[in-house]
N, C-alpha and C. Protein backbone atom coordinates (compact mmCIF):
# COMPACT_ATOMS: atom_id res chain seq x y z
N UNK A 1 11.94 -6.21 12.65
CA UNK A 1 12.39 -5.69 14.33
C UNK A 1 12.59 -6.16 15.01
N UNK A 2 13.18 -6.18 16.01
CA UNK A 2 13.32 -7.27 17.47
C UNK A 2 11.85 -6.16 18.07
N UNK A 3 11.24 -5.42 17.47
CA UNK A 3 10.07 -4.91 18.08
C UNK A 3 8.82 -5.28 17.35
N UNK A 4 8.90 -5.83 16.09
CA UNK A 4 8.14 -6.25 15.61
C UNK A 4 7.86 -5.23 14.64
N UNK A 5 6.18 -5.01 14.38
CA UNK A 5 6.11 -3.79 14.04
C UNK A 5 5.97 -2.49 14.13
N UNK A 6 6.68 -1.16 14.25
CA UNK A 6 7.07 -0.06 14.47
C UNK A 6 6.07 0.79 13.61
N UNK A 7 5.07 2.18 14.36
CA UNK A 7 4.63 2.56 13.50
C UNK A 7 4.37 3.66 14.03
N UNK A 8 4.02 4.60 13.06
CA UNK A 8 3.51 6.29 13.70
C UNK A 8 4.90 7.36 13.70
N UNK A 9 4.02 8.43 13.54
CA UNK A 9 5.23 9.58 13.33
C UNK A 9 6.38 9.63 14.82
N UNK A 10 5.59 8.91 15.44
CA UNK A 10 6.77 9.47 16.48
C UNK A 10 7.09 8.05 17.07
N UNK A 11 7.06 6.85 16.40
CA UNK A 11 7.91 5.43 16.49
C UNK A 11 9.24 5.35 16.47
N UNK A 12 10.52 6.31 15.83
CA UNK A 12 11.74 6.33 15.91
C UNK A 12 12.22 7.63 16.14
N UNK A 13 13.29 7.83 16.51
CA UNK A 13 13.76 9.08 17.03
C UNK A 13 15.05 9.21 16.30
N UNK A 14 15.61 9.65 15.55
CA UNK A 14 16.84 9.91 14.97
C UNK A 14 17.91 10.26 16.11
N UNK A 15 19.01 9.65 16.77
CA UNK A 15 20.36 9.07 17.46
C UNK A 15 21.38 10.12 16.74
N UNK A 16 21.68 9.95 15.52
CA UNK A 16 23.25 10.21 14.59
C UNK A 16 23.11 8.94 13.81
N UNK A 17 23.78 10.08 12.65
CA UNK A 17 23.68 9.35 11.77
C UNK A 17 25.10 8.95 10.71
N UNK A 18 25.87 8.36 10.02
CA UNK A 18 26.97 8.27 9.96
C UNK A 18 27.28 8.11 8.80
N UNK A 19 27.94 8.21 7.41
CA UNK A 19 27.96 7.73 6.06
C UNK A 19 29.34 7.55 6.09
N UNK A 20 30.05 6.21 5.97
CA UNK A 20 31.16 5.95 5.13
C UNK A 20 31.50 5.75 3.56
N UNK A 21 32.15 6.46 3.19
CA UNK A 21 32.14 6.74 1.97
C UNK A 21 32.76 6.05 1.02
N UNK A 22 33.97 5.82 1.47
CA UNK A 22 35.11 4.68 1.08
C UNK A 22 34.22 3.03 0.81
N UNK A 23 33.49 2.87 1.75
CA UNK A 23 32.34 1.47 1.92
C UNK A 23 31.11 1.31 1.64
N UNK A 24 30.31 2.87 1.35
CA UNK A 24 29.45 2.76 0.74
C UNK A 24 28.32 2.22 1.91
N UNK A 25 28.11 2.96 3.34
CA UNK A 25 27.92 2.30 4.74
C UNK A 25 27.51 3.65 4.58
N UNK A 26 26.30 3.28 4.87
CA UNK A 26 25.05 4.17 5.69
C UNK A 26 24.85 3.47 7.44
N UNK A 27 24.96 4.58 8.43
CA UNK A 27 24.41 4.08 9.95
C UNK A 27 23.28 4.88 10.50
N UNK A 28 22.57 4.59 11.29
CA UNK A 28 21.60 5.43 11.51
C UNK A 28 21.14 4.71 12.92
N UNK A 29 21.79 5.54 13.66
CA UNK A 29 21.55 5.30 14.86
C UNK A 29 19.45 5.93 15.60
N UNK A 30 18.79 5.19 16.40
CA UNK A 30 16.83 5.21 16.44
C UNK A 30 16.95 5.13 18.17
N UNK A 31 16.31 5.84 18.38
CA UNK A 31 15.57 5.94 20.27
C UNK A 31 14.28 5.48 19.43
N UNK A 32 13.64 4.11 19.84
CA UNK A 32 12.11 3.66 19.59
C UNK A 32 11.00 3.68 20.61
N UNK A 33 9.93 4.43 20.33
CA UNK A 33 9.35 4.47 21.37
C UNK A 33 8.00 3.26 21.64
N UNK A 34 8.16 2.26 22.73
CA UNK A 34 8.27 0.74 22.08
C UNK A 34 6.93 1.27 22.88
N UNK A 35 5.88 2.42 22.51
CA UNK A 35 4.44 2.28 22.52
C UNK A 35 3.44 1.82 21.53
N UNK A 36 4.66 2.21 20.51
CA UNK A 36 4.04 2.00 19.03
C UNK A 36 4.51 1.03 17.97
N UNK A 37 5.05 -0.16 18.99
CA UNK A 37 5.67 -1.27 18.59
C UNK A 37 4.76 -2.52 18.95
N UNK A 38 4.68 -3.14 18.19
CA UNK A 38 3.56 -4.66 18.03
C UNK A 38 4.10 -5.60 19.21
N UNK A 39 5.53 -5.67 19.45
CA UNK A 39 5.97 -6.54 20.63
C UNK A 39 6.35 -5.86 21.70
N UNK A 40 6.04 -4.57 22.19
CA UNK A 40 5.71 -3.97 23.18
C UNK A 40 7.43 -3.55 23.79
N UNK A 41 7.77 -3.23 24.78
CA UNK A 41 8.84 -2.58 25.29
C UNK A 41 9.98 -3.97 25.71
N UNK A 42 10.93 -4.06 25.62
CA UNK A 42 12.33 -4.51 25.23
C UNK A 42 12.50 -4.40 26.58
N UNK A 43 13.37 -3.12 27.02
CA UNK A 43 13.99 -2.33 27.80
C UNK A 43 13.49 -1.24 27.90
N UNK A 44 14.47 -0.65 29.40
CA UNK A 44 13.70 1.07 29.85
C UNK A 44 14.30 1.80 28.53
N UNK A 45 15.22 1.30 27.77
CA UNK A 45 16.50 2.77 26.70
C UNK A 45 16.60 1.18 25.41
N UNK A 46 15.06 1.71 25.22
CA UNK A 46 15.50 0.71 23.42
C UNK A 46 15.99 1.61 22.35
N UNK A 47 16.95 1.03 21.60
CA UNK A 47 17.66 2.12 21.02
C UNK A 47 17.83 0.52 19.50
N UNK A 48 18.09 1.02 18.16
CA UNK A 48 18.20 -0.02 17.41
C UNK A 48 19.24 0.85 16.25
N UNK A 49 20.00 -0.14 15.73
CA UNK A 49 21.38 0.49 14.82
C UNK A 49 20.78 -0.10 13.63
N UNK A 50 20.82 0.62 12.80
CA UNK A 50 20.10 -0.27 11.67
C UNK A 50 22.29 0.73 10.46
N UNK A 51 22.16 -0.48 9.96
CA UNK A 51 23.42 -0.65 8.87
C UNK A 51 22.91 -1.00 7.62
N UNK A 52 23.21 -0.21 6.46
CA UNK A 52 22.70 -0.16 5.50
C UNK A 52 24.45 -0.49 4.35
N UNK A 53 24.58 -1.49 4.01
CA UNK A 53 25.37 -1.49 3.24
C UNK A 53 25.46 -2.15 1.63
N UNK A 54 26.62 -1.78 0.73
CA UNK A 54 25.82 -1.70 -0.30
C UNK A 54 25.66 -0.54 -0.87
N UNK A 55 25.90 0.87 -0.80
CA UNK A 55 24.39 1.78 -0.53
C UNK A 55 25.08 2.40 -2.08
N UNK A 56 23.84 2.10 -2.71
CA UNK A 56 24.07 3.16 -3.72
C UNK A 56 23.52 5.10 -4.38
N UNK A 57 22.66 4.58 -3.75
CA UNK A 57 21.55 5.96 -3.47
C UNK A 57 20.80 6.05 -2.12
N UNK A 58 20.58 7.38 -1.81
CA UNK A 58 20.17 7.99 -0.67
C UNK A 58 19.39 9.32 -0.64
N UNK A 59 18.68 9.26 0.18
CA UNK A 59 17.61 10.49 0.16
C UNK A 59 17.47 10.83 1.26
N UNK A 60 17.48 12.34 1.91
CA UNK A 60 16.72 12.73 3.43
C UNK A 60 15.87 13.31 3.27
N UNK A 61 14.19 13.10 3.29
CA UNK A 61 13.62 14.09 2.89
C UNK A 61 13.27 14.20 4.70
N UNK A 62 12.62 15.73 5.04
CA UNK A 62 12.37 16.48 5.41
C UNK A 62 10.27 15.91 6.30
N UNK A 63 10.01 15.25 7.48
CA UNK A 63 9.19 14.42 7.27
C UNK A 63 7.82 15.02 6.93
N UNK A 64 7.41 16.32 6.81
CA UNK A 64 6.55 17.30 6.31
C UNK A 64 6.34 17.49 5.05
N UNK A 65 7.34 17.30 4.10
CA UNK A 65 7.52 17.21 3.08
C UNK A 65 6.98 15.52 2.49
N UNK A 66 6.76 14.85 2.87
CA UNK A 66 6.96 12.95 2.72
C UNK A 66 5.58 12.91 2.75
N UNK A 67 5.32 11.95 1.97
CA UNK A 67 3.79 11.50 1.29
C UNK A 67 2.96 10.69 2.56
N UNK A 68 3.62 10.29 3.39
CA UNK A 68 2.81 8.86 5.02
C UNK A 68 2.48 7.89 4.27
N UNK A 69 2.54 7.22 2.67
CA UNK A 69 1.98 6.03 2.91
C UNK A 69 2.85 5.06 2.85
N UNK A 70 3.23 4.53 4.35
CA UNK A 70 3.73 3.74 4.52
C UNK A 70 3.27 2.35 5.35
N UNK A 71 3.17 1.31 5.69
CA UNK A 71 3.11 0.54 6.03
C UNK A 71 3.89 0.45 7.88
N UNK A 72 4.68 1.11 7.67
CA UNK A 72 5.42 1.04 9.34
C UNK A 72 6.40 2.02 9.08
N UNK A 73 6.94 2.43 10.26
CA UNK A 73 8.41 3.32 9.79
C UNK A 73 9.75 2.77 9.33
N UNK A 74 9.83 1.58 9.40
CA UNK A 74 10.75 1.29 8.33
C UNK A 74 10.24 -0.48 7.99
N UNK A 75 10.40 0.39 5.87
CA UNK A 75 9.79 -0.84 5.34
C UNK A 75 10.98 -0.93 4.45
N UNK A 76 10.18 -1.99 2.99
CA UNK A 76 11.09 -2.28 1.69
C UNK A 76 10.10 -1.96 0.94
N UNK A 77 10.43 -1.06 0.20
CA UNK A 77 9.85 -0.79 -0.87
C UNK A 77 10.38 -1.99 -2.43
N UNK A 78 8.83 -2.48 -2.39
CA UNK A 78 8.76 -3.57 -3.34
C UNK A 78 8.50 -2.72 -4.77
N UNK A 79 9.00 -3.40 -6.00
CA UNK A 79 8.52 -3.01 -6.97
C UNK A 79 9.23 -1.20 -7.30
N UNK A 80 10.14 -1.36 -6.21
CA UNK A 80 10.25 0.42 -6.20
C UNK A 80 10.70 0.97 -8.17
N UNK A 81 10.37 2.00 -8.49
CA UNK A 81 10.35 2.96 -9.61
C UNK A 81 11.78 3.77 -9.78
N UNK A 82 11.79 4.01 -8.33
CA UNK A 82 13.51 4.59 -8.44
C UNK A 82 14.70 2.94 -8.54
N UNK A 83 14.74 2.46 -7.81
CA UNK A 83 15.70 1.48 -8.36
C UNK A 83 15.79 1.28 -10.17
N UNK A 84 14.25 1.18 -10.68
CA UNK A 84 14.39 0.92 -12.48
C UNK A 84 15.11 2.61 -13.05
N UNK A 85 14.41 3.30 -12.07
CA UNK A 85 15.12 4.75 -12.71
C UNK A 85 16.77 4.88 -11.98
N UNK A 86 17.01 4.11 -11.46
CA UNK A 86 18.68 4.04 -11.34
C UNK A 86 19.57 4.04 -12.28
N UNK A 87 19.40 2.36 -13.08
CA UNK A 87 20.13 1.81 -14.38
C UNK A 87 20.89 1.46 -13.22
N UNK A 88 22.24 2.02 -14.42
CA UNK A 88 23.83 1.54 -14.36
C UNK A 88 24.33 0.68 -13.48
N UNK A 89 24.56 1.00 -12.29
CA UNK A 89 25.03 -0.36 -11.26
C UNK A 89 24.28 -0.99 -10.67
N UNK A 90 23.12 -0.96 -10.77
CA UNK A 90 21.76 -1.66 -9.94
C UNK A 90 21.54 -3.07 -10.24
N UNK A 91 21.89 -4.35 -9.56
CA UNK A 91 22.24 -5.37 -9.81
C UNK A 91 20.71 -6.23 -8.77
N UNK A 92 20.52 -7.91 -9.04
CA UNK A 92 19.32 -8.10 -8.65
C UNK A 92 19.09 -7.82 -7.09
N UNK A 93 20.86 -7.52 -6.02
CA UNK A 93 20.84 -7.82 -4.61
C UNK A 93 20.05 -6.73 -4.33
N UNK A 94 20.23 -5.42 -5.10
CA UNK A 94 20.01 -4.13 -4.37
C UNK A 94 18.34 -4.15 -4.12
N UNK A 95 18.37 -3.33 -2.90
CA UNK A 95 16.65 -2.92 -2.33
C UNK A 95 16.79 -2.07 -2.08
N UNK A 96 15.28 -1.16 -2.39
CA UNK A 96 15.32 0.08 -1.56
C UNK A 96 14.46 0.07 -0.30
N UNK A 97 14.95 0.78 0.85
CA UNK A 97 14.11 0.49 2.15
C UNK A 97 14.00 1.97 1.98
N UNK A 98 13.26 2.33 3.20
CA UNK A 98 12.74 3.91 3.70
C UNK A 98 12.62 3.68 5.71
N UNK A 99 13.57 4.62 6.26
CA UNK A 99 13.00 4.85 7.80
C UNK A 99 12.59 5.70 7.99
N UNK A 100 11.51 5.80 8.31
CA UNK A 100 10.43 7.28 9.26
C UNK A 100 10.93 7.51 10.29
N UNK A 101 11.68 8.68 10.46
CA UNK A 101 11.85 9.26 11.77
C UNK A 101 10.70 9.98 12.39
N UNK A 102 11.26 10.50 13.98
CA UNK A 102 9.89 11.36 13.62
C UNK A 102 9.91 12.88 12.92
N UNK A 103 11.28 13.32 13.04
CA UNK A 103 11.94 14.93 11.93
C UNK A 103 12.16 14.67 10.40
N UNK A 104 12.14 12.87 10.35
CA UNK A 104 13.43 12.29 8.72
C UNK A 104 12.81 11.06 7.98
N UNK A 105 12.48 11.31 6.85
CA UNK A 105 12.30 10.36 6.02
C UNK A 105 14.06 9.95 5.67
N UNK A 106 14.53 8.64 5.67
CA UNK A 106 15.50 8.24 5.14
C UNK A 106 15.37 7.13 3.76
N UNK A 107 15.30 7.35 2.71
CA UNK A 107 15.21 6.93 1.25
C UNK A 107 16.83 6.00 1.31
N UNK A 108 16.68 4.46 0.71
CA UNK A 108 18.15 3.96 0.85
C UNK A 108 17.67 3.07 -0.18
N UNK A 109 18.88 2.76 -1.37
CA UNK A 109 18.89 1.52 -2.29
C UNK A 109 20.49 1.53 -2.09
N UNK A 110 20.09 -0.21 -1.47
CA UNK A 110 21.71 -0.81 -1.08
C UNK A 110 21.24 -2.29 -1.67
N UNK A 111 22.06 -2.93 -1.04
CA UNK A 111 23.06 -4.21 -1.30
C UNK A 111 22.14 -5.08 0.24
N UNK A 112 22.02 -4.46 1.18
CA UNK A 112 21.97 -5.03 2.50
C UNK A 112 21.27 -4.14 3.63
N UNK A 113 20.59 -5.06 4.57
CA UNK A 113 20.33 -3.69 5.94
C UNK A 113 20.49 -5.15 6.93
N UNK A 114 20.88 -4.05 7.99
CA UNK A 114 21.18 -5.42 9.56
C UNK A 114 20.45 -4.13 10.02
N UNK A 115 19.45 -5.00 11.36
CA UNK A 115 19.17 -4.06 12.19
C UNK A 115 19.69 -4.97 13.64
N UNK A 116 20.10 -4.05 14.47
CA UNK A 116 20.89 -4.54 15.31
C UNK A 116 19.59 -4.04 16.53
N UNK A 117 19.56 -4.23 17.75
CA UNK A 117 19.09 -3.94 18.92
C UNK A 117 20.34 -3.67 19.92
N UNK A 118 20.39 -2.73 20.65
CA UNK A 118 21.28 -2.04 21.37
C UNK A 118 20.82 -1.96 22.87
N UNK A 119 21.46 -3.07 23.41
CA UNK A 119 21.14 -2.90 24.91
C UNK A 119 21.47 -1.89 25.96
N UNK A 120 20.51 -1.69 26.93
CA UNK A 120 21.02 -0.84 27.78
C UNK A 120 22.35 -0.77 28.07
N UNK A 121 22.91 -2.23 28.69
CA UNK A 121 24.66 -2.27 29.16
C UNK A 121 25.22 -1.94 27.78
N UNK A 122 25.23 -1.51 26.69
CA UNK A 122 25.94 -1.89 25.25
C UNK A 122 26.35 -0.31 25.02
N UNK A 123 27.43 0.24 23.99
CA UNK A 123 27.87 1.23 24.27
C UNK A 123 26.51 1.56 22.89
N UNK A 124 25.99 3.43 22.90
CA UNK A 124 25.41 3.46 22.08
C UNK A 124 25.91 3.89 20.70
N UNK A 125 26.81 4.91 20.62
CA UNK A 125 27.72 5.03 19.31
C UNK A 125 29.00 6.02 19.44
């Protein structure tokens, strides 16, 4: 991410989620606690927009029901058992990502993830 590695339960706070079915696109808007970032503070109002395209599957899990075995708040799951179990339309381009926020964890299988830093003067959502 532009903030480096983001760690800890309070590293990311969820602001808004959008799913566009006909585009198979998931967008997650996040506030970033820069105290938990390897690169530190970028601005006073640190925000990210994560856009997942080509979404084949997604799950939202309440944080206390999650196993907490992650290297950071945003990770790609290599050799994902979930991708293998989906079969069907899975291609070599599909990737499994998760995003851990203060209250929720998002699991997403998609073909692309884009991370955008939202600057203070830019529209939020």
